[in-house]
Amino acid sequence: MSSTLTNKKYQEVLLSVFNEYHSDLEEILELATIENNGSRPRHIENEIYALFHHISRSLCNITNVDDAVKEVEQAKNSHLKRAILDSYKIAINSVLKESDKKTDLLEDLATDPDYRECINESIISLELLRKSKSEIKTTYLEAKKKERKGDMSEAVKLYNSAIEKIADLSKSVVEIEKNNVFRLAIKRIKKIERSKKKQNRFTLSMLILSCLLTALCSSFLTFFVNEWGGKLLPGQHTPPQIEAMEEK
């Protein structure tokens, strides 16, 4: 064990693991944990556990230095690599989903004919929103392609670029939401929606009242026909019965 640790080749590969862990994993894992409701993703923990299991094995169970170096390199290129790339995907998927919700809402407001008088291109630029979303998804897909090809360094760069683009889009959305004209437009939209709800409640009440009146009129008409119809219509009364006289 001591001879392996003193070997320069082993020291270099071990240092590369901790450098990569510190520079490429820690920060993105923190973001993935935040986006995962503060809980560190379990399968990422398993990858890190497996990584350090192989490191301990290289020190405690393998006597040949070259084999020990190979053990660490394999663990770095498999478990550490997966932990980094999966952390990016967890973080990006979560923030992209949240970003999509907000931008979709803005697009709905800007294209709804009922709200066009309140929201227009001067407040929300649909072209910029759609262009930004398209760039994010294109960058994200390109990163996945690089990952499938095994080009980890380029994949990480593209994943970072996607995160930066999402952050820029989120800032743009915040700027829109802070805009005074937008705030006034939202108040106007809420007023329209309240008016619609009030009108809908009135219409529903009138419909229910109309149904009740129709039912009452129908019941009254049925009662009138059944009780008085026979007396008012000619030829419908029963003739008086004449008792037969007994012959004397």
C-alpha atoms as a PDB file:
ATOM      1  CA  MET A   1       0.000   0.000   0.000  1.00  0.00           C
ATOM      2  CA  SER A   2       2.710   2.500   0.979  1.00  0.00           C
ATOM      3  CA  SER A   3       4.804   1.701  -2.094  1.00  0.00           C
ATOM      4  CA  THR A   4       1.793   2.363  -4.381  1.00  0.00           C
ATOM      5  CA  LEU A   5       1.158   5.755  -2.804  1.00  0.00           C
ATOM      6  CA  THR A   6       4.781   6.782  -3.266  1.00  0.00           C
ATOM      7  CA  ASN A   7       4.729   5.882  -6.946  1.00  0.00           C
ATOM      8  CA  LYS A   8       4.724   9.046  -9.087  1.00  0.00           C
ATOM      9  CA  LYS A   9       2.501   7.560 -11.820  1.00  0.00           C
ATOM     10  CA  TYR A  10      -0.074   6.503  -9.262  1.00  0.00           C
ATOM     11  CA  GLN A  11       0.060   9.908  -7.555  1.00  0.00           C
ATOM     12  CA  GLU A  12      -0.611  11.648 -10.860  1.00  0.00           C
ATOM     13  CA  VAL A  13      -3.649   9.537 -11.732  1.00  0.00           C
ATOM     14  CA  LEU A  14      -5.007   9.894  -8.196  1.00  0.00           C
ATOM     15  CA  LEU A  15      -4.495  13.662  -8.343  1.00  0.00           C
ATOM     16  CA  SER A  16      -6.322  13.795 -11.690  1.00  0.00           C
ATOM     17  CA  VAL A  17      -9.336  12.094 -10.063  1.00  0.00           C
ATOM     18  CA  PHE A  18      -9.559  14.664  -7.269  1.00  0.00           C
ATOM     19  CA  ASN A  19      -8.934  17.552  -9.661  1.00  0.00           C
ATOM     20  CA  GLU A  20     -11.776  16.374 -11.908  1.00  0.00           C
ATOM     21  CA  TYR A  21     -14.015  15.731  -8.915  1.00  0.00           C
ATOM     22  CA  HIS A  22     -13.377  19.239  -7.599  1.00  0.00           C
ATOM     23  CA  SER A  23     -13.437  21.217 -10.859  1.00  0.00           C
ATOM     24  CA  ASP A  24     -16.028  19.298 -12.925  1.00  0.00           C
ATOM     25  CA  LEU A  25     -18.378  17.575 -10.478  1.00  0.00           C
ATOM     26  CA  GLU A  26     -18.789  19.510  -7.223  1.00  0.00           C
ATOM     27  CA  GLU A  27     -20.394  22.648  -8.625  1.00  0.00           C
ATOM     28  CA  ILE A  28     -22.785  20.973 -11.054  1.00  0.00           C
ATOM     29  CA  LEU A  29     -23.691  18.379  -8.420  1.00  0.00           C
ATOM     30  CA  GLU A  30     -24.664  21.211  -6.061  1.00  0.00           C
ATOM     31  CA  LEU A  31     -26.953  22.632  -8.750  1.00  0.00           C
ATOM     32  CA  ALA A  32     -28.428  19.185  -9.442  1.00  0.00           C
ATOM     33  CA  THR A  33     -29.026  18.755  -5.698  1.00  0.00           C
ATOM     34  CA  ILE A  34     -30.768  22.135  -5.452  1.00  0.00           C
ATOM     35  CA  GLU A  35     -32.943  21.300  -8.463  1.00  0.00           C
ATOM     36  CA  ASN A  36     -33.699  17.912  -6.869  1.00  0.00           C
ATOM     37  CA  ASN A  37     -35.410  19.637  -3.892  1.00  0.00           C
ATOM     38  CA  GLY A  38     -32.207  19.679  -1.860  1.00  0.00           C
ATOM     39  CA  SER A  39     -31.723  15.928  -2.009  1.00  0.00           C
ATOM     40  CA  ARG A  40     -28.553  14.607  -3.620  1.00  0.00           C
ATOM     41  CA  PRO A  41     -29.536  12.278  -6.494  1.00  0.00           C
ATOM     42  CA  ARG A  42     -29.181   8.701  -5.270  1.00  0.00           C
ATOM     43  CA  HIS A  43     -27.604   7.257  -8.414  1.00  0.00           C
ATOM     44  CA  ILE A  44     -24.965  10.024  -8.368  1.00  0.00           C
ATOM     45  CA  GLU A  45     -24.114   9.017  -4.818  1.00  0.00           C
ATOM     46  CA  ASN A  46     -23.789   5.419  -6.016  1.00  0.00           C
ATOM     47  CA  GLU A  47     -21.371   6.477  -8.764  1.00  0.00           C
ATOM     48  CA  ILE A  48     -19.214   8.380  -6.259  1.00  0.00           C
ATOM     49  CA  TYR A  49     -19.314   5.410  -3.865  1.00  0.00           C
ATOM     50  CA  ALA A  50     -18.215   3.103  -6.686  1.00  0.00           C
ATOM     51  CA  LEU A  51     -15.405   5.508  -7.638  1.00  0.00           C
ATOM     52  CA  PHE A  52     -13.904   5.530  -4.153  1.00  0.00           C
ATOM     53  CA  HIS A  53     -14.443   1.794  -3.811  1.00  0.00           C
ATOM     54  CA  HIS A  54     -12.118   1.281  -6.793  1.00  0.00           C
ATOM     55  CA  ILE A  55      -9.578   3.725  -5.351  1.00  0.00           C
ATOM     56  CA  SER A  56      -9.507   1.865  -2.056  1.00  0.00           C
ATOM     57  CA  ARG A  57      -9.233  -1.426  -3.935  1.00  0.00           C
ATOM     58  CA  SER A  58      -6.257  -0.111  -5.904  1.00  0.00           C
ATOM     59  CA  LEU A  59      -4.491   0.675  -2.635  1.00  0.00           C
ATOM     60  CA  CYS A  60      -5.534  -2.220  -0.439  1.00  0.00           C
ATOM     61  CA  ASN A  61      -5.997  -5.206  -2.753  1.00  0.00           C
ATOM     62  CA  ILE A  62      -3.714  -4.629  -5.735  1.00  0.00           C
ATOM     63  CA  THR A  63       0.019  -4.946  -5.264  1.00  0.00           C
ATOM     64  CA  ASN A  64       1.150  -4.233  -8.822  1.00  0.00           C
ATOM     65  CA  VAL A  65       1.439  -0.473  -9.359  1.00  0.00           C
ATOM     66  CA  ASP A  66       0.520  -0.564 -13.039  1.00  0.00           C
ATOM     67  CA  ASP A  67      -2.639  -2.534 -12.240  1.00  0.00           C
ATOM     68  CA  ALA A  68      -3.454  -0.102  -9.455  1.00  0.00           C
ATOM     69  CA  VAL A  69      -3.091   2.849 -11.849  1.00  0.00           C
ATOM     70  CA  LYS A  70      -5.289   1.074 -14.402  1.00  0.00           C
ATOM     71  CA  GLU A  71      -7.950   0.445 -11.724  1.00  0.00           C
ATOM     72  CA  VAL A  72      -8.119   4.154 -10.841  1.00  0.00           C
ATOM     73  CA  GLU A  73      -8.159   5.270 -14.478  1.00  0.00           C
ATOM     74  CA  GLN A  74     -11.036   2.931 -15.307  1.00  0.00           C
ATOM     75  CA  ALA A  75     -13.022   4.177 -12.307  1.00  0.00           C
ATOM     76  CA  LYS A  76     -12.389   7.801 -13.311  1.00  0.00           C
ATOM     77  CA  ASN A  77     -13.438   7.210 -16.925  1.00  0.00           C
ATOM     78  CA  SER A  78     -16.600   5.335 -15.953  1.00  0.00           C
ATOM     79  CA  HIS A  79     -18.052   6.243 -12.550  1.00  0.00           C
ATOM     80  CA  LEU A  80     -16.727   9.808 -12.253  1.00  0.00           C
ATOM     81  CA  LYS A  81     -17.596  10.542 -15.873  1.00  0.00           C
ATOM     82  CA  ARG A  82     -21.181   9.290 -15.427  1.00  0.00           C
ATOM     83  CA  ALA A  83     -21.570  11.253 -12.202  1.00  0.00           C
ATOM     84  CA  ILE A  84     -20.522  14.481 -13.943  1.00  0.00           C
ATOM     85  CA  LEU A  85     -22.616  14.024 -17.088  1.00  0.00           C
ATOM     86  CA  ASP A  86     -25.720  12.823 -15.213  1.00  0.00           C
ATOM     87  CA  SER A  87     -25.463  15.787 -12.833  1.00  0.00           C
ATOM     88  CA  TYR A  88     -25.531  18.132 -15.832  1.00  0.00           C
ATOM     89  CA  LYS A  89     -28.588  16.401 -17.277  1.00  0.00           C
ATOM     90  CA  ILE A  90     -30.468  16.470 -13.965  1.00  0.00           C
ATOM     91  CA  ALA A  91     -29.727  20.159 -13.468  1.00  0.00           C
ATOM     92  CA  ILE A  92     -30.512  21.165 -17.059  1.00  0.00           C
ATOM     93  CA  ASN A  93     -33.723  19.126 -17.285  1.00  0.00           C
ATOM     94  CA  SER A  94     -35.045  20.696 -14.100  1.00  0.00           C
ATOM     95  CA  VAL A  95     -34.197  24.332 -14.850  1.00  0.00           C
ATOM     96  CA  LEU A  96     -35.292  23.930 -18.483  1.00  0.00           C
ATOM     97  CA  LYS A  97     -38.663  22.549 -17.371  1.00  0.00           C
ATOM     98  CA  GLU A  98     -39.202  25.501 -15.043  1.00  0.00           C
ATOM     99  CA  SER A  99     -38.058  27.932 -17.718  1.00  0.00           C
ATOM    100  CA  ASP A 100     -40.434  26.350 -20.248  1.00  0.00           C
ATOM    101  CA  LYS A 101     -43.384  26.872 -17.888  1.00  0.00           C
ATOM    102  CA  LYS A 102     -42.727  30.599 -17.633  1.00  0.00           C
ATOM    103  CA  THR A 103     -41.962  31.176 -21.305  1.00  0.00           C
ATOM    104  CA  ASP A 104     -44.988  29.111 -22.389  1.00  0.00           C
ATOM    105  CA  LEU A 105     -47.185  31.267 -20.150  1.00  0.00           C
ATOM    106  CA  LEU A 106     -45.745  34.444 -21.660  1.00  0.00           C
ATOM    107  CA  GLU A 107     -46.281  33.098 -25.169  1.00  0.00           C
ATOM    108  CA  ASP A 108     -49.892  32.171 -24.350  1.00  0.00           C
ATOM    109  CA  LEU A 109     -50.564  35.671 -23.033  1.00  0.00           C
ATOM    110  CA  ALA A 110     -48.939  37.321 -26.025  1.00  0.00           C
ATOM    111  CA  THR A 111     -50.870  35.249 -28.578  1.00  0.00           C
ATOM    112  CA  ASP A 112     -54.287  35.046 -26.886  1.00  0.00           C
ATOM    113  CA  PRO A 113     -56.680  37.327 -28.859  1.00  0.00           C
ATOM    114  CA  ASP A 114     -58.519  38.230 -25.640  1.00  0.00           C
ATOM    115  CA  TYR A 115     -55.355  39.759 -24.202  1.00  0.00           C
ATOM    116  CA  ARG A 116     -53.751  41.295 -27.299  1.00  0.00           C
ATOM    117  CA  GLU A 117     -54.857  44.744 -26.222  1.00  0.00           C
ATOM    118  CA  CYS A 118     -52.946  44.260 -22.954  1.00  0.00           C
ATOM    119  CA  ILE A 119     -49.876  42.310 -24.116  1.00  0.00           C
ATOM    120  CA  ASN A 120     -48.056  43.060 -27.373  1.00  0.00           C
ATOM    121  CA  GLU A 121     -44.638  42.674 -28.976  1.00  0.00           C
ATOM    122  CA  SER A 122     -43.350  45.784 -27.230  1.00  0.00           C
ATOM    123  CA  ILE A 123     -43.759  43.956 -23.908  1.00  0.00           C
ATOM    124  CA  ILE A 124     -43.034  40.344 -24.867  1.00  0.00           C
ATOM    125  CA  SER A 125     -40.894  39.602 -27.909  1.00  0.00           C
ATOM    126  CA  LEU A 126     -42.084  36.191 -29.040  1.00  0.00           C
ATOM    127  CA  GLU A 127     -39.298  36.022 -31.612  1.00  0.00           C
ATOM    128  CA  LEU A 128     -36.598  36.446 -28.958  1.00  0.00           C
ATOM    129  CA  LEU A 129     -38.254  33.963 -26.586  1.00  0.00           C
ATOM    130  CA  ARG A 130     -38.570  31.299 -29.260  1.00  0.00           C
ATOM    131  CA  LYS A 131     -35.067  31.899 -30.572  1.00  0.00           C
ATOM    132  CA  SER A 132     -33.607  31.581 -27.078  1.00  0.00           C
ATOM    133  CA  LYS A 133     -35.519  28.354 -26.365  1.00  0.00           C
ATOM    134  CA  SER A 134     -34.444  26.910 -29.707  1.00  0.00           C
ATOM    135  CA  GLU A 135     -30.776  27.706 -29.045  1.00  0.00           C
ATOM    136  CA  ILE A 136     -30.933  26.064 -25.614  1.00  0.00           C
ATOM    137  CA  LYS A 137     -32.443  22.854 -26.932  1.00  0.00           C
ATOM    138  CA  THR A 138     -30.053  22.733 -29.897  1.00  0.00           C
ATOM    139  CA  THR A 139     -27.049  23.122 -27.571  1.00  0.00           C
ATOM    140  CA  TYR A 140     -28.441  20.501 -25.182  1.00  0.00           C
ATOM    141  CA  LEU A 141     -28.990  17.972 -27.990  1.00  0.00           C
ATOM    142  CA  GLU A 142     -25.510  18.637 -29.356  1.00  0.00           C
ATOM    143  CA  ALA A 143     -24.047  17.986 -25.890  1.00  0.00           C
ATOM    144  CA  LYS A 144     -25.851  14.637 -25.745  1.00  0.00           C
ATOM    145  CA  LYS A 145     -24.458  13.710 -29.171  1.00  0.00           C
ATOM    146  CA  LYS A 146     -20.932  14.473 -27.997  1.00  0.00           C
ATOM    147  CA  GLU A 147     -21.562  12.413 -24.868  1.00  0.00           C
ATOM    148  CA  ARG A 148     -22.712   9.416 -26.936  1.00  0.00           C
ATOM    149  CA  LYS A 149     -19.555   9.707 -29.040  1.00  0.00           C
ATOM    150  CA  GLY A 150     -17.433   9.662 -25.883  1.00  0.00           C
ATOM    151  CA  ASP A 151     -16.158  13.209 -26.275  1.00  0.00           C
ATOM    152  CA  MET A 152     -16.571  14.146 -22.624  1.00  0.00           C
ATOM    153  CA  SER A 153     -14.683  17.448 -22.634  1.00  0.00           C
ATOM    154  CA  GLU A 154     -16.764  18.828 -25.520  1.00  0.00           C
ATOM    155  CA  ALA A 155     -19.984  17.483 -23.967  1.00  0.00           C
ATOM    156  CA  VAL A 156     -19.222  19.280 -20.691  1.00  0.00           C
ATOM    157  CA  LYS A 157     -18.544  22.530 -22.568  1.00  0.00           C
ATOM    158  CA  LEU A 158     -21.872  22.286 -24.380  1.00  0.00           C
ATOM    159  CA  TYR A 159     -23.746  21.392 -21.186  1.00  0.00           C
ATOM    160  CA  ASN A 160     -22.229  24.449 -19.520  1.00  0.00           C
ATOM    161  CA  SER A 161     -23.222  26.547 -22.512  1.00  0.00           C
ATOM    162  CA  ALA A 162     -26.822  25.261 -22.246  1.00  0.00           C
ATOM    163  CA  ILE A 163     -26.944  26.197 -18.560  1.00  0.00           C
ATOM    164  CA  GLU A 164     -25.644  29.688 -19.327  1.00  0.00           C
ATOM    165  CA  LYS A 165     -28.255  30.135 -22.073  1.00  0.00           C
ATOM    166  CA  ILE A 166     -31.012  29.024 -19.680  1.00  0.00           C
ATOM    167  CA  ALA A 167     -29.754  31.523 -17.104  1.00  0.00           C
ATOM    168  CA  ASP A 168     -29.866  34.292 -19.725  1.00  0.00           C
ATOM    169  CA  LEU A 169     -33.415  33.314 -20.706  1.00  0.00           C
ATOM    170  CA  SER A 170     -34.475  33.304 -17.055  1.00  0.00           C
ATOM    171  CA  LYS A 171     -33.039  36.820 -16.639  1.00  0.00           C
ATOM    172  CA  SER A 172     -35.041  37.983 -19.669  1.00  0.00           C
ATOM    173  CA  VAL A 173     -38.224  36.520 -18.190  1.00  0.00           C
ATOM    174  CA  VAL A 174     -37.542  38.249 -14.866  1.00  0.00           C
ATOM    175  CA  GLU A 175     -37.019  41.553 -16.679  1.00  0.00           C
ATOM    176  CA  ILE A 176     -40.384  41.133 -18.405  1.00  0.00           C
ATOM    177  CA  GLU A 177     -42.108  40.308 -15.115  1.00  0.00           C
ATOM    178  CA  LYS A 178     -40.542  43.392 -13.480  1.00  0.00           C
ATOM    179  CA  ASN A 179     -41.629  45.683 -16.323  1.00  0.00           C
ATOM    180  CA  ASN A 180     -44.256  48.215 -15.124  1.00  0.00           C
ATOM    181  CA  VAL A 181     -46.240  47.973 -18.355  1.00  0.00           C
ATOM    182  CA  PHE A 182     -46.304  44.189 -18.014  1.00  0.00           C
ATOM    183  CA  ARG A 183     -47.510  44.435 -14.413  1.00  0.00           C
ATOM    184  CA  LEU A 184     -50.318  46.784 -15.438  1.00  0.00           C
ATOM    185  CA  ALA A 185     -51.211  44.426 -18.279  1.00  0.00           C
ATOM    186  CA  ILE A 186     -51.403  41.483 -15.864  1.00  0.00           C
ATOM    187  CA  LYS A 187     -53.747  43.490 -13.613  1.00  0.00           C
ATOM    188  CA  ARG A 188     -55.898  44.254 -16.639  1.00  0.00           C
ATOM    189  CA  ILE A 189     -55.943  40.577 -17.614  1.00  0.00           C
ATOM    190  CA  LYS A 190     -56.980  39.548 -14.097  1.00  0.00           C
ATOM    191  CA  LYS A 191     -59.784  42.105 -14.226  1.00  0.00           C
ATOM    192  CA  ILE A 192     -60.963  40.617 -17.532  1.00  0.00           C
ATOM    193  CA  GLU A 193     -60.855  37.114 -16.060  1.00  0.00           C
ATOM    194  CA  ARG A 194     -62.854  38.179 -12.989  1.00  0.00           C
ATOM    195  CA  SER A 195     -65.447  39.782 -15.255  1.00  0.00           C
ATOM    196  CA  LYS A 196     -65.673  36.593 -17.305  1.00  0.00           C
ATOM    197  CA  LYS A 197     -66.138  34.476 -14.179  1.00  0.00           C
ATOM    198  CA  LYS A 198     -68.846  36.813 -12.919  1.00  0.00           C
ATOM    199  CA  GLN A 199     -70.633  36.674 -16.277  1.00  0.00           C
ATOM    200  CA  ASN A 200     -70.332  32.887 -16.340  1.00  0.00           C
ATOM    201  CA  ARG A 201     -71.820  32.617 -12.851  1.00  0.00           C
ATOM    202  CA  PHE A 202     -74.724  34.897 -13.891  1.00  0.00           C
ATOM    203  CA  THR A 203     -75.327  32.855 -17.050  1.00  0.00           C
ATOM    204  CA  LEU A 204     -75.276  29.615 -15.059  1.00  0.00           C
ATOM    205  CA  SER A 205     -77.722  31.043 -12.503  1.00  0.00           C
ATOM    206  CA  MET A 206     -80.108  32.162 -15.247  1.00  0.00           C
ATOM    207  CA  LEU A 207     -79.883  28.741 -16.889  1.00  0.00           C
ATOM    208  CA  ILE A 208     -80.710  26.989 -13.624  1.00  0.00           C
ATOM    209  CA  LEU A 209     -83.610  29.398 -12.984  1.00  0.00           C
ATOM    210  CA  SER A 210     -84.922  28.836 -16.515  1.00  0.00           C
ATOM    211  CA  CYS A 211     -84.812  25.066 -16.017  1.00  0.00           C
ATOM    212  CA  LEU A 212     -86.681  25.354 -12.712  1.00  0.00           C
ATOM    213  CA  LEU A 213     -89.381  27.566 -14.232  1.00  0.00           C
ATOM    214  CA  THR A 214     -89.768  25.198 -17.169  1.00  0.00           C
ATOM    215  CA  ALA A 215     -90.137  22.245 -14.810  1.00  0.00           C
ATOM    216  CA  LEU A 216     -92.729  24.079 -12.677  1.00  0.00           C
ATOM    217  CA  CYS A 217     -94.766  25.136 -15.724  1.00  0.00           C
ATOM    218  CA  SER A 218     -94.660  21.605 -17.082  1.00  0.00           C
ATOM    219  CA  SER A 219     -95.840  20.173 -13.733  1.00  0.00           C
ATOM    220  CA  PHE A 220     -98.652  22.733 -13.478  1.00  0.00           C
ATOM    221  CA  LEU A 221     -99.822  22.049 -17.037  1.00  0.00           C
ATOM    222  CA  THR A 222     -99.831  18.295 -16.446  1.00  0.00           C
ATOM    223  CA  PHE A 223    -101.856  18.768 -13.253  1.00  0.00           C
ATOM    224  CA  PHE A 224    -104.340  21.076 -15.030  1.00  0.00           C
ATOM    225  CA  VAL A 225    -104.905  18.610 -17.884  1.00  0.00           C
ATOM    226  CA  ASN A 226    -105.341  15.652 -15.567  1.00  0.00           C
ATOM    227  CA  GLU A 227    -107.719  17.362 -13.120  1.00  0.00           C
ATOM    228  CA  TRP A 228    -109.777  19.671 -15.306  1.00  0.00           C
ATOM    229  CA  GLY A 229    -109.408  18.458 -18.831  1.00  0.00           C
ATOM    230  CA  GLY A 230    -112.111  15.814 -18.573  1.00  0.00           C
ATOM    231  CA  LYS A 231    -114.671  18.281 -17.205  1.00  0.00           C
ATOM    232  CA  LEU A 232    -114.052  20.926 -19.830  1.00  0.00           C
ATOM    233  CA  LEU A 233    -114.046  18.699 -22.919  1.00  0.00           C
ATOM    234  CA  PRO A 234    -117.578  17.905 -24.355  1.00  0.00           C
ATOM    235  CA  GLY A 235    -118.864  14.310 -24.544  1.00  0.00           C
ATOM    236  CA  GLN A 236    -116.462  13.159 -21.927  1.00  0.00           C
ATOM    237  CA  HIS A 237    -118.893  13.189 -18.948  1.00  0.00           C
ATOM    238  CA  THR A 238    -120.506   9.962 -17.775  1.00  0.00           C
ATOM    239  CA  PRO A 239    -124.293   9.803 -18.398  1.00  0.00           C
ATOM    240  CA  PRO A 240    -126.492   9.253 -15.323  1.00  0.00           C
ATOM    241  CA  GLN A 241    -127.501   5.652 -14.693  1.00  0.00           C
ATOM    242  CA  ILE A 242    -131.267   4.817 -14.903  1.00  0.00           C
ATOM    243  CA  GLU A 243    -132.426   2.079 -12.622  1.00  0.00           C
ATOM    244  CA  ALA A 244    -134.516  -0.586 -14.303  1.00  0.00           C
ATOM    245  CA  MET A 245    -138.155  -0.772 -13.046  1.00  0.00           C
ATOM    246  CA  GLU A 246    -139.295  -4.135 -11.852  1.00  0.00           C
ATOM    247  CA  GLU A 247    -142.337  -5.554 -13.645  1.00  0.00           C
ATOM    248  CA  LYS A 248    -145.356  -5.915 -11.524  1.00  0.00           C
END
